[in-house]
Amino acid sequence: MAEPGRHRSLALRLVVSAAIWSAIALAGAGFLLSELYRTSLERSFDARLAVYQKTLAGRVAAAGEGEAPDLENLGEPRFILPLSGWYWLVRDPGTGFVTASSRSLFGELLEVPEPPRDGTVAGSYVIGPSSTELRLVVQRVRIGADRQLDVAVAGNADELKADIAAFQLRVFLTLTVFALGLVFATVLQVYLGLKPLETMRASLAAIRQGRAVRLEGEMPREIAPLAQELNALIEANSAIVERARSHVGNLAHALKTPLSVILNEARAEDTPVAVKVAEQVGVMKAEVDRYLDRARMAAERRFVGTTAEVMRSVDGVAAVLRRAYPDKGLRIATEGPATLKVRMERRDLDELVGNLMDNACKFGRSEVRATVSAEPDGAAGRPMVTIRVEDDGPGVPDDRMPDVLRRGRRLDESVPGSGLGLSIVDELVEVYGGRLAFTRSDLGGLAVSVQLPQS
């Protein structure tokens, strides 16, 4: 079983998955918007350059044979300013000779790509003078029957790039704000959507702690069947417990009376057979009593809604034992958090603690210590509560440990008792899903540790 702290959160999984897909969608939308804006801006810029290019082409075509066309005044002063980033030129495609160029080129060369031969206008990015990136449009213009010229106009692409970068920044900021709002909305949606599950969890905790007996309140349509099944399970569990109690009582009456009659009849005869029958019936009666007690504890245990405060039982038993052993001068110390609870009937917990501490007081010389502590990662990954009772008595040799839990077996006949205390403790611990261990105490005597499921 995985550790409780490593369980994945359903809410976190929903939020993270929604955030990832939202980020992918928003990134795609941002890229698409940027590309659409860039394409639109380039098309607009190309259209502007195409106006100058067509004006040049028209003037070149309108000039007569041997006449110099007027190519100076195109309505853009930057074609005159040296190295302004705005240039034009006219080139003979056959010889590659530049027949005319703008003054802004200032004697520099401008690499113009080959235009389409069908006379359409083509746009592209080129590197111009001073390593400036330019946006250029070029067209092959036919003049007369046998003459062609390439007319190219270029503008500074930095302006275009700046506009695109500014738009991308605005898109990024807008989508970031939108993403934050979307994450907040997702968290709110997950919180509201999973709140009924949290309500159900709190209701189940109340049942486990004994503050309720069933799930109450209206549940959303999606989890209402689950709540109904849980209530049905709780009711079925209660019915099973009641039937078990009834069967235990019937079994007790059915077996105890015949065994008592046989035992009395056998004791009335003073023959070897009668003595042997009485001995074996006594053994049978002890075993029947043992398993009837275990069945009674299992039947009386409520599997849900059962809790008991550990320190309340420990302190209560300690107060009783201080009065029960006034002549021994025992110091009975208790320690532990008052808030710890176990999933156990209160009277069973009192019996368990009472047997442990009474046993320690019988064998302890001057000191008995009972400590209670919590173990977050106990058996099977469940939180457990440990009750440890120690004394400074003679202890138990290792080779005698197996005899400690034998019902009716007393290791020290000088101390009064029935020999049933620790065996009863063992049965209670087994019924409630706990663990029992014996070790040597730091005080010198026996240390008994009991682990029970924490509530």
Protein backbone atom coordinates (compact mmCIF):
# COMPACT_ATOMS: atom_id res chain seq x y z
CA MET A 1 0.00 0.00 0.00
CA ALA A 2 1.30 3.44 -0.85
CA GLU A 3 2.14 5.82 1.95
CA PRO A 4 -0.69 8.27 2.78
CA GLY A 5 1.50 11.27 2.11
CA ARG A 6 2.27 10.04 -1.40
CA HIS A 7 -1.32 9.65 -2.54
CA ARG A 8 -2.04 11.79 -5.55
CA SER A 9 -4.56 14.57 -5.15
CA LEU A 10 -7.53 14.35 -7.49
CA ALA A 11 -8.04 18.12 -7.31
CA LEU A 12 -4.36 18.75 -8.09
CA ARG A 13 -4.52 16.30 -11.00
CA LEU A 14 -7.55 18.10 -12.46
CA VAL A 15 -6.03 21.56 -12.01
CA VAL A 16 -2.64 20.55 -13.45
CA SER A 17 -4.15 18.77 -16.46
CA ALA A 18 -6.45 21.74 -17.15
CA ALA A 19 -3.54 24.16 -16.76
CA ILE A 20 -1.33 22.15 -19.14
CA TRP A 21 -3.97 21.92 -21.86
CA SER A 22 -4.91 25.57 -21.38
CA ALA A 23 -1.26 26.58 -21.69
CA ILE A 24 -0.92 24.55 -24.90
CA ALA A 25 -4.13 26.03 -26.33
CA LEU A 26 -3.20 29.60 -25.36
CA ALA A 27 0.34 29.20 -26.71
CA GLY A 28 -1.09 27.91 -29.99
CA ALA A 29 -3.60 30.76 -30.11
CA GLY A 30 -0.86 33.30 -29.39
CA PHE A 31 1.37 31.88 -32.13
CA LEU A 32 -1.52 31.82 -34.61
CA LEU A 33 -2.50 35.42 -33.79
CA SER A 34 1.11 36.56 -34.13
CA GLU A 35 1.49 34.81 -37.48
CA LEU A 36 -1.78 36.25 -38.77
CA TYR A 37 -0.77 39.75 -37.67
CA ARG A 38 2.72 39.35 -39.15
CA THR A 39 1.27 38.17 -42.46
CA SER A 40 -1.25 41.00 -42.49
CA LEU A 41 1.40 43.58 -41.64
CA GLU A 42 3.79 42.26 -44.29
CA ARG A 43 1.00 42.31 -46.86
CA SER A 44 0.20 45.92 -45.94
CA PHE A 45 3.87 46.88 -46.05
CA ASP A 46 4.29 45.14 -49.39
CA ALA A 47 1.26 47.00 -50.74
CA ARG A 48 2.86 50.29 -49.68
CA LEU A 49 6.13 49.36 -51.37
CA ALA A 50 4.22 48.15 -54.42
CA VAL A 51 2.76 51.67 -54.85
CA TYR A 52 6.28 53.09 -55.14
CA GLN A 53 7.33 50.20 -57.35
CA LYS A 54 4.44 50.65 -59.76
CA THR A 55 5.04 54.41 -59.85
CA LEU A 56 8.68 53.75 -60.84
CA ALA A 57 7.67 51.14 -63.39
CA GLY A 58 5.10 53.50 -64.89
CA ARG A 59 7.59 56.32 -65.24
CA VAL A 60 10.18 54.03 -66.81
CA ALA A 61 7.62 52.68 -69.28
CA ALA A 62 6.27 56.16 -70.08
CA ALA A 63 9.68 57.59 -71.02
CA GLY A 64 10.28 57.69 -74.72
CA GLU A 65 13.16 56.05 -76.53
CA GLY A 66 16.32 57.86 -75.49
CA GLU A 67 14.52 59.94 -72.84
CA ALA A 68 15.54 59.84 -69.15
CA PRO A 69 12.54 59.12 -66.88
CA ASP A 70 11.87 61.32 -63.83
CA LEU A 71 12.59 58.97 -60.95
CA GLU A 72 13.33 61.43 -58.16
CA ASN A 73 10.07 62.60 -56.64
CA LEU A 74 8.18 59.55 -55.40
CA GLY A 75 6.63 61.27 -52.39
CA GLU A 76 8.98 59.62 -49.87
CA PRO A 77 11.86 61.82 -48.58
CA ARG A 78 13.75 58.79 -47.23
CA PHE A 79 14.56 57.72 -50.81
CA ILE A 80 16.84 60.78 -50.85
CA LEU A 81 18.45 60.51 -47.38
CA PRO A 82 21.74 58.53 -47.53
CA LEU A 83 21.49 55.00 -46.17
CA SER A 84 18.03 55.66 -44.74
CA GLY A 85 16.91 52.07 -45.23
CA TRP A 86 14.52 53.02 -48.05
CA TYR A 87 15.87 52.31 -51.53
CA TRP A 88 14.88 51.65 -55.11
CA LEU A 89 16.74 50.64 -58.24
CA VAL A 90 16.15 49.72 -61.87
CA ARG A 91 18.22 46.89 -63.31
CA ASP A 92 18.71 45.37 -66.75
CA PRO A 93 17.99 41.65 -66.25
CA GLY A 94 20.08 40.65 -69.22
CA THR A 95 23.33 42.34 -68.21
CA GLY A 96 22.65 42.84 -64.50
CA PHE A 97 23.61 46.48 -64.97
CA VAL A 98 21.83 48.97 -62.66
CA THR A 99 20.41 51.65 -64.90
CA ALA A 100 19.12 53.86 -62.07
CA SER A 101 18.97 53.86 -58.25
CA SER A 102 17.83 56.08 -55.39
CA ARG A 103 20.21 58.59 -53.88
CA SER A 104 19.71 56.92 -50.49
CA LEU A 105 21.87 53.98 -51.66
CA PHE A 106 24.80 56.40 -51.66
CA GLY A 107 26.84 54.24 -53.99
CA GLU A 108 26.17 51.00 -52.08
CA LEU A 109 24.98 47.82 -53.74
CA LEU A 110 21.61 46.21 -53.15
CA GLU A 111 21.25 42.50 -53.78
CA VAL A 112 17.94 42.01 -55.59
CA PRO A 113 16.64 38.45 -56.08
CA GLU A 114 15.43 37.27 -59.47
CA PRO A 115 11.76 38.34 -59.93
CA PRO A 116 9.07 36.03 -61.36
CA ARG A 117 9.13 35.96 -65.16
CA ASP A 118 5.37 36.25 -65.45
CA GLY A 119 5.47 39.89 -64.34
CA THR A 120 3.95 39.43 -60.88
CA VAL A 121 5.27 41.34 -57.87
CA ALA A 122 7.32 39.27 -55.39
CA GLY A 123 8.20 40.22 -51.80
CA SER A 124 11.07 38.98 -49.62
CA TYR A 125 13.55 39.93 -46.90
CA VAL A 126 17.07 40.93 -47.93
CA ILE A 127 20.14 42.36 -46.23
CA GLY A 128 20.94 45.86 -47.41
CA PRO A 129 23.70 48.40 -46.75
CA SER A 130 25.02 48.57 -43.18
CA SER A 131 23.65 45.02 -42.67
CA THR A 132 20.13 46.41 -42.34
CA GLU A 133 17.31 43.97 -42.91
CA LEU A 134 15.01 45.20 -45.66
CA ARG A 135 11.60 44.22 -46.95
CA LEU A 136 11.82 44.29 -50.79
CA VAL A 137 9.33 43.99 -53.64
CA VAL A 138 10.49 43.44 -57.22
CA GLN A 139 8.76 43.12 -60.59
CA ARG A 140 10.00 42.44 -64.09
CA VAL A 141 8.52 45.13 -66.35
CA ARG A 142 8.30 44.71 -70.12
CA ILE A 143 8.96 47.91 -72.12
CA GLY A 144 8.16 47.66 -75.74
CA ALA A 145 8.52 44.45 -77.66
CA ASP A 146 12.02 43.45 -76.73
CA ARG A 147 13.07 45.34 -73.62
CA GLN A 148 12.71 44.31 -69.94
CA LEU A 149 13.71 45.96 -66.69
CA ASP A 150 13.66 44.79 -63.07
CA VAL A 151 12.15 47.48 -60.82
CA ALA A 152 12.74 46.97 -57.06
CA VAL A 153 11.74 49.02 -54.02
CA ALA A 154 12.92 48.22 -50.46
CA GLY A 155 11.90 49.59 -47.06
CA ASN A 156 13.48 49.28 -43.60
CA ALA A 157 12.17 46.07 -42.04
CA ASP A 158 13.02 47.30 -38.52
CA GLU A 159 9.79 49.24 -38.47
CA LEU A 160 7.91 46.12 -39.49
CA LYS A 161 9.71 44.00 -36.92
CA ALA A 162 9.08 46.58 -34.19
CA ASP A 163 5.35 46.59 -34.94
CA ILE A 164 5.28 42.77 -34.88
CA ALA A 165 7.26 42.62 -31.62
CA ALA A 166 4.96 45.19 -29.99
CA PHE A 167 1.91 43.19 -31.06
CA GLN A 168 3.43 39.93 -29.78
CA LEU A 169 4.11 41.59 -26.42
CA ARG A 170 0.52 42.78 -26.19
CA VAL A 171 -0.72 39.31 -27.13
CA PHE A 172 1.56 37.71 -24.53
CA LEU A 173 0.41 40.05 -21.76
CA THR A 174 -3.24 39.62 -22.73
CA LEU A 175 -3.02 35.83 -22.87
CA THR A 176 -1.07 35.73 -19.60
CA VAL A 177 -3.82 37.64 -17.82
CA PHE A 178 -6.37 35.41 -19.50
CA ALA A 179 -4.41 32.30 -18.44
CA LEU A 180 -4.29 33.45 -14.82
CA GLY A 181 -8.01 34.07 -14.91
CA LEU A 182 -8.54 30.66 -16.48
CA VAL A 183 -6.44 28.94 -13.81
CA PHE A 184 -8.40 30.72 -11.08
CA ALA A 185 -11.67 29.69 -12.74
CA THR A 186 -10.40 26.10 -13.01
CA VAL A 187 -9.41 26.00 -9.33
CA LEU A 188 -12.80 27.42 -8.37
CA GLN A 189 -14.57 24.94 -10.62
CA VAL A 190 -12.62 21.98 -9.21
CA TYR A 191 -13.23 23.20 -5.65
CA LEU A 192 -16.96 23.55 -6.20
CA GLY A 193 -17.13 20.30 -8.17
CA LEU A 194 -15.29 18.25 -5.52
CA LYS A 195 -16.89 19.91 -2.50
CA PRO A 196 -19.61 17.21 -2.27
CA LEU A 197 -16.85 14.60 -1.99
CA GLU A 198 -15.30 16.59 0.85
CA THR A 199 -18.73 16.72 2.49
CA MET A 200 -19.03 12.96 2.11
CA ARG A 201 -15.55 12.48 3.58
CA ALA A 202 -16.48 14.60 6.60
CA SER A 203 -19.69 12.59 7.03
CA LEU A 204 -17.78 9.31 6.91
CA ALA A 205 -15.30 10.68 9.46
CA ALA A 206 -18.23 11.60 11.72
CA ILE A 207 -19.56 8.03 11.40
CA ARG A 208 -16.14 6.56 12.14
CA GLN A 209 -15.78 8.81 15.21
CA GLY A 210 -19.21 7.88 16.52
CA ARG A 211 -20.88 11.26 15.96
CA ALA A 212 -23.27 9.92 13.30
CA VAL A 213 -24.72 6.60 12.19
CA ARG A 214 -25.35 7.25 8.48
CA LEU A 215 -24.67 9.70 5.65
CA GLU A 216 -27.13 12.55 5.83
CA GLY A 217 -28.00 15.42 3.50
CA GLU A 218 -28.66 15.70 -0.20
CA MET A 219 -25.90 14.64 -2.56
CA PRO A 220 -25.42 15.55 -6.24
CA ARG A 221 -26.96 13.14 -8.70
CA GLU A 222 -23.57 11.74 -9.70
CA ILE A 223 -22.57 10.59 -6.19
CA ALA A 224 -26.01 10.04 -4.65
CA PRO A 225 -25.89 6.30 -5.59
CA LEU A 226 -22.53 6.00 -3.78
CA ALA A 227 -24.01 7.57 -0.64
CA GLN A 228 -26.98 5.20 -0.82
CA GLU A 229 -24.70 2.18 -1.16
CA LEU A 230 -22.60 3.31 1.80
CA ASN A 231 -25.70 3.75 3.96
CA ALA A 232 -26.88 0.31 2.87
CA LEU A 233 -23.48 -1.15 3.79
CA ILE A 234 -23.61 0.47 7.24
CA GLU A 235 -27.13 -0.84 7.83
CA ALA A 236 -26.13 -4.33 6.67
CA ASN A 237 -23.13 -4.23 9.02
CA SER A 238 -25.39 -3.30 11.95
CA ALA A 239 -27.76 -6.13 11.06
CA ILE A 240 -24.87 -8.61 10.97
CA VAL A 241 -23.68 -7.43 14.38
CA GLU A 242 -27.15 -7.86 15.86
CA ARG A 243 -27.45 -11.34 14.40
CA ALA A 244 -24.02 -12.26 15.75
CA ARG A 245 -25.02 -11.09 19.23
CA SER A 246 -28.13 -13.21 19.05
CA HIS A 247 -26.22 -16.27 17.87
CA VAL A 248 -23.62 -15.83 20.62
CA GLY A 249 -26.33 -15.74 23.26
CA ASN A 250 -28.08 -18.79 21.82
CA LEU A 251 -24.79 -20.69 21.61
CA ALA A 252 -23.96 -19.82 25.20
CA HIS A 253 -27.28 -21.21 26.44
CA ALA A 254 -27.05 -24.25 24.17
CA LEU A 255 -23.58 -25.33 25.33
CA LYS A 256 -23.09 -24.12 28.87
CA THR A 257 -26.09 -25.88 30.38
CA PRO A 258 -25.35 -29.39 28.97
CA LEU A 259 -21.69 -29.07 29.91
CA SER A 260 -22.60 -28.04 33.45
CA VAL A 261 -24.97 -31.00 33.78
CA ILE A 262 -22.31 -33.46 32.53
CA LEU A 263 -19.73 -31.92 34.86
CA ASN A 264 -22.02 -32.16 37.90
CA GLU A 265 -22.97 -35.77 37.09
CA ALA A 266 -19.35 -36.72 36.64
CA ARG A 267 -18.35 -35.12 39.93
CA ALA A 268 -21.07 -37.08 41.69
CA GLU A 269 -19.27 -40.35 40.89
CA ASP A 270 -15.94 -41.26 42.44
CA THR A 271 -14.66 -43.52 39.68
CA PRO A 272 -11.66 -43.13 37.37
CA VAL A 273 -13.97 -42.72 34.40
CA ALA A 274 -15.98 -39.99 36.13
CA VAL A 275 -12.81 -38.17 37.17
CA LYS A 276 -11.50 -38.31 33.60
CA VAL A 277 -14.86 -37.14 32.22
CA ALA A 278 -14.95 -34.25 34.71
CA GLU A 279 -11.39 -33.28 33.75
CA GLN A 280 -12.12 -33.30 30.02
CA VAL A 281 -15.45 -31.51 30.44
CA GLY A 282 -13.63 -28.84 32.41
CA VAL A 283 -11.19 -28.46 29.54
CA MET A 284 -14.10 -28.30 27.08
CA LYS A 285 -15.91 -25.74 29.24
CA ALA A 286 -12.78 -23.56 29.44
CA GLU A 287 -12.35 -23.69 25.66
CA VAL A 288 -16.04 -22.97 25.08
CA ASP A 289 -15.83 -20.01 27.47
CA ARG A 290 -12.75 -18.75 25.69
CA TYR A 291 -14.23 -18.84 22.22
CA LEU A 292 -17.59 -17.56 23.42
CA ASP A 293 -15.81 -14.58 24.97
CA ARG A 294 -13.98 -13.97 21.72
CA ALA A 295 -17.20 -14.28 19.73
CA ARG A 296 -18.95 -11.93 22.14
CA MET A 297 -16.24 -9.32 21.72
CA ALA A 298 -16.36 -9.65 17.94
CA ALA A 299 -20.15 -9.43 17.92
CA GLU A 300 -20.27 -6.44 20.24
CA ARG A 301 -17.64 -4.56 18.30
CA ARG A 302 -19.15 -1.95 16.03
CA PHE A 303 -17.08 -1.72 12.89
CA VAL A 304 -17.98 1.92 12.30
CA GLY A 305 -18.65 4.77 14.69
CA THR A 306 -16.55 3.33 17.55
CA THR A 307 -14.00 5.51 19.32
CA ALA A 308 -12.46 5.76 22.77
CA GLU A 309 -10.09 8.27 24.36
CA VAL A 310 -6.93 6.44 25.35
CA MET A 311 -5.59 8.74 28.06
CA ARG A 312 -9.01 8.89 29.69
CA SER A 313 -8.93 5.12 30.18
CA VAL A 314 -5.24 5.09 31.22
CA ASP A 315 -5.65 7.87 33.79
CA GLY A 316 -8.88 6.34 35.11
CA VAL A 317 -7.29 2.91 35.60
CA ALA A 318 -4.20 4.48 37.19
CA ALA A 319 -6.37 6.32 39.73
CA VAL A 320 -8.14 3.07 40.67
CA LEU A 321 -4.88 1.10 40.99
CA ARG A 322 -3.28 3.73 43.24
CA ARG A 323 -6.07 3.05 45.71
CA ALA A 324 -5.94 -0.73 45.15
CA TYR A 325 -2.22 -1.05 46.03
CA PRO A 326 -1.69 1.42 48.88
CA ASP A 327 0.78 -0.79 50.78
CA LYS A 328 3.27 -1.30 47.93
CA GLY A 329 4.05 2.39 47.57
CA LEU A 330 3.94 2.13 43.80
CA ARG A 331 4.59 5.18 41.70
CA ILE A 332 2.19 4.88 38.76
CA ALA A 333 3.11 7.38 36.04
CA THR A 334 1.07 8.07 32.89
CA GLU A 335 2.07 10.11 29.87
CA GLY A 336 0.58 10.84 26.45
CA PRO A 337 -1.53 13.27 24.38
CA ALA A 338 -5.08 13.68 25.66
CA THR A 339 -6.47 13.93 22.12
CA LEU A 340 -5.51 10.44 20.90
CA LYS A 341 -8.41 8.10 20.19
CA VAL A 342 -8.62 4.49 19.04
CA ARG A 343 -11.28 2.60 17.11
CA MET A 344 -12.46 0.53 20.06
CA GLU A 345 -15.37 0.21 22.46
CA ARG A 346 -14.74 2.19 25.62
CA ARG A 347 -15.39 -0.73 27.96
CA ASP A 348 -13.09 -3.00 25.93
CA LEU A 349 -10.35 -0.37 26.10
CA ASP A 350 -10.86 -0.06 29.86
CA GLU A 351 -10.59 -3.84 30.21
CA LEU A 352 -7.46 -3.99 28.07
CA VAL A 353 -5.68 -1.15 29.89
CA GLY A 354 -6.88 -2.42 33.26
CA ASN A 355 -5.44 -5.91 32.71
CA LEU A 356 -2.11 -4.52 31.49
CA MET A 357 -1.65 -2.04 34.32
CA ASP A 358 -3.01 -4.37 37.01
CA ASN A 359 -0.56 -7.05 35.88
CA ALA A 360 2.28 -4.51 36.03
CA CYS A 361 1.23 -3.39 39.53
CA LYS A 362 1.19 -7.01 40.76
CA PHE A 363 4.76 -7.67 39.68
CA GLY A 364 6.26 -4.18 39.90
CA ARG A 365 8.38 -3.37 42.93
CA SER A 366 8.17 0.41 43.08
CA GLU A 367 7.34 1.89 39.67
CA VAL A 368 4.83 1.35 36.88
CA ARG A 369 4.82 3.49 33.78
CA ALA A 370 2.14 3.77 31.06
CA THR A 371 2.88 5.83 27.95
CA VAL A 372 0.67 6.54 24.96
CA SER A 373 2.03 7.68 21.58
CA ALA A 374 0.89 7.99 17.96
CA GLU A 375 2.52 6.26 14.99
CA PRO A 376 1.46 7.92 11.70
CA ASP A 377 2.79 4.99 9.63
CA GLY A 378 1.81 1.93 11.57
CA ALA A 379 0.74 -1.51 10.43
CA ALA A 380 -0.38 -1.71 6.79
CA GLY A 381 0.21 2.00 6.39
CA ARG A 382 -2.55 2.92 8.87
CA PRO A 383 -2.07 5.42 11.71
CA MET A 384 -1.82 3.53 14.99
CA VAL A 385 -1.75 4.32 18.72
CA THR A 386 0.80 2.54 20.91
CA ILE A 387 0.03 1.85 24.60
CA ARG A 388 3.19 0.76 26.43
CA VAL A 389 3.00 -0.46 30.04
CA GLU A 390 6.27 -1.13 31.94
CA ASP A 391 7.23 -2.20 35.45
CA ASP A 392 10.41 -2.66 37.44
CA GLY A 393 9.56 -6.21 38.51
CA PRO A 394 11.46 -9.43 37.81
CA GLY A 395 10.31 -9.59 34.20
CA VAL A 396 9.82 -12.76 32.15
CA PRO A 397 12.66 -14.93 30.87
CA ASP A 398 12.81 -15.27 27.10
CA ASP A 399 12.13 -19.02 27.24
CA ARG A 400 8.92 -18.39 29.20
CA MET A 401 7.47 -15.74 26.85
CA PRO A 402 5.24 -18.25 24.95
CA ASP A 403 3.52 -19.15 28.25
CA VAL A 404 2.53 -15.55 29.01
CA LEU A 405 -0.57 -15.62 26.79
CA ARG A 406 -1.76 -19.08 27.74
CA ARG A 407 -5.19 -18.80 29.28
CA GLY A 408 -5.19 -19.62 33.01
CA ARG A 409 -1.42 -20.10 33.08
CA ARG A 410 0.33 -18.18 35.92
CA LEU A 411 4.09 -17.80 35.80
CA ASP A 412 4.34 -16.73 39.43
CA GLU A 413 2.02 -18.60 41.81
CA SER A 414 3.01 -16.32 44.69
CA VAL A 415 1.08 -13.45 43.16
CA PRO A 416 -2.72 -13.72 43.36
CA GLY A 417 -4.70 -13.81 40.14
CA SER A 418 -6.54 -15.97 37.64
CA GLY A 419 -3.94 -16.00 34.87
CA LEU A 420 -6.50 -14.68 32.37
CA GLY A 421 -5.42 -11.02 32.14
CA LEU A 422 -2.89 -11.08 29.30
CA SER A 423 -4.82 -13.71 27.33
CA ILE A 424 -7.88 -11.43 27.45
CA VAL A 425 -5.67 -8.57 26.28
CA ASP A 426 -4.43 -10.73 23.40
CA GLU A 427 -7.99 -11.60 22.36
CA LEU A 428 -9.12 -7.96 22.47
CA VAL A 429 -6.11 -6.84 20.43
CA GLU A 430 -6.78 -9.53 17.82
CA VAL A 431 -10.48 -8.64 17.55
CA TYR A 432 -9.74 -4.95 16.97
CA GLY A 433 -6.97 -5.51 14.43
CA GLY A 434 -4.06 -4.50 16.64
CA ARG A 435 -0.71 -6.00 17.62
CA LEU A 436 0.77 -7.13 20.95
CA ALA A 437 4.48 -7.34 21.79
CA PHE A 438 6.56 -8.20 24.89
CA THR A 439 10.03 -6.81 25.52
CA ARG A 440 12.27 -6.03 28.46
CA SER A 441 11.63 -2.62 30.00
CA ASP A 442 14.24 0.03 30.73
CA LEU A 443 12.95 -0.17 34.31
CA GLY A 444 14.15 -3.76 34.51
CA GLY A 445 10.87 -5.64 34.30
CA LEU A 446 8.40 -6.51 31.56
CA ALA A 447 7.25 -4.04 28.89
CA VAL A 448 3.98 -4.78 27.07
CA SER A 449 3.26 -2.77 23.92
CA VAL A 450 -0.17 -2.73 22.32
CA GLN A 451 -0.86 -1.10 18.96
CA LEU A 452 -4.46 -0.23 18.06
CA PRO A 453 -5.94 1.54 14.99
CA GLN A 454 -6.10 5.28 15.52
CA SER A 455 -9.37 7.12 15.13
